[in-house]
Amino acid sequence: MDTVPEKVLVDLSDVEFLASMGIRLLILNAKSVFSRGGRMALLRTKPEIRNRLEITDVAMIILIYDGLESAEVMLLA
């Protein structure tokens, strides 16, 4: 039976602070989704959160979109 690869969108709009444990969990989950043929993306990150994700190179592993509309490409692919 064919399965549709999962596409996981994580809305971070209410996240004010992201410690190393949170970053680690995002990476582990993204790798888990990827291992099953899916993709994970982050949505609506506040500038300070996005900056932290870029500094730690998470943005190279997990795509970050400003909103759901900009993530539609991932959803439709």
Protein backbone atom coordinates (compact mmCIF):
# COMPACT_ATOMS: atom_id res chain seq x y z
CA MET A 1 0.00 0.00 0.00
CA ASP A 2 1.35 3.43 -0.98
CA THR A 3 1.42 6.07 1.71
CA VAL A 4 1.52 9.81 1.30
CA PRO A 5 4.69 11.31 2.80
CA GLU A 6 3.81 13.35 5.84
CA LYS A 7 4.24 17.08 5.83
CA VAL A 8 4.57 18.59 9.27
CA LEU A 9 4.15 22.32 9.86
CA VAL A 10 5.08 23.69 13.28
CA ASP A 11 3.64 27.11 14.12
CA LEU A 12 6.07 28.95 16.41
CA SER A 13 4.17 32.24 16.53
CA ASP A 14 3.60 32.00 20.29
CA VAL A 15 7.16 30.93 21.13
CA GLU A 16 9.01 33.68 22.98
CA PHE A 17 12.14 31.69 23.92
CA LEU A 18 13.77 28.60 22.46
CA ALA A 19 16.45 26.87 24.51
CA SER A 20 18.89 24.25 23.24
CA MET A 21 16.58 21.41 24.33
CA GLY A 22 13.78 22.83 22.17
CA ILE A 23 16.12 23.18 19.22
CA ARG A 24 17.27 19.59 19.72
CA LEU A 25 13.67 18.34 19.77
CA LEU A 26 12.87 20.21 16.55
CA ILE A 27 15.89 18.63 14.85
CA LEU A 28 15.10 15.12 16.12
CA ASN A 29 11.51 15.39 14.96
CA ALA A 30 12.52 16.76 11.56
CA LYS A 31 14.96 13.86 11.10
CA SER A 32 12.26 11.37 12.11
CA VAL A 33 9.79 12.83 9.62
CA PHE A 34 12.47 12.90 6.91
CA SER A 35 13.40 9.24 7.54
CA ARG A 36 9.81 8.33 6.67
CA GLY A 37 9.94 10.31 3.44
CA GLY A 38 8.22 13.41 4.81
CA ARG A 39 9.16 17.02 5.36
CA MET A 40 8.90 19.38 8.29
CA ALA A 41 8.81 23.17 8.22
CA LEU A 42 8.53 25.92 10.80
CA LEU A 43 6.03 28.76 10.47
CA ARG A 44 5.69 32.26 11.83
CA THR A 45 8.85 32.46 13.90
CA LYS A 46 9.51 35.68 15.76
CA PRO A 47 12.68 37.47 14.59
CA GLU A 48 14.69 36.54 17.70
CA ILE A 49 13.68 32.87 17.36
CA ARG A 50 14.46 32.83 13.65
CA ASN A 51 17.84 34.42 14.36
CA ARG A 52 18.64 31.70 16.92
CA LEU A 53 17.63 29.00 14.43
CA GLU A 54 19.84 30.56 11.76
CA ILE A 55 22.82 30.95 14.12
CA THR A 56 22.58 27.28 15.10
CA ASP A 57 22.20 26.21 11.44
CA VAL A 58 18.77 24.69 12.09
CA ALA A 59 17.49 26.79 9.18
CA MET A 60 19.71 24.68 6.91
CA ILE A 61 17.94 21.51 8.09
CA ILE A 62 14.36 22.68 8.60
CA LEU A 63 12.73 25.14 6.22
CA ILE A 64 11.27 28.27 7.82
CA TYR A 65 8.32 30.13 6.33
CA ASP A 66 6.72 33.41 7.32
CA GLY A 67 3.21 32.04 6.96
CA LEU A 68 1.07 29.21 5.73
CA GLU A 69 0.69 30.79 2.30
CA SER A 70 4.44 30.72 1.72
CA ALA A 71 4.57 27.06 2.82
CA GLU A 72 2.04 26.02 0.17
CA VAL A 73 4.86 25.05 -2.18
CA MET A 74 5.99 22.44 0.32
CA LEU A 75 2.44 21.24 0.91
CA LEU A 76 1.74 20.79 -2.79
CA ALA A 77 5.09 19.21 -3.72
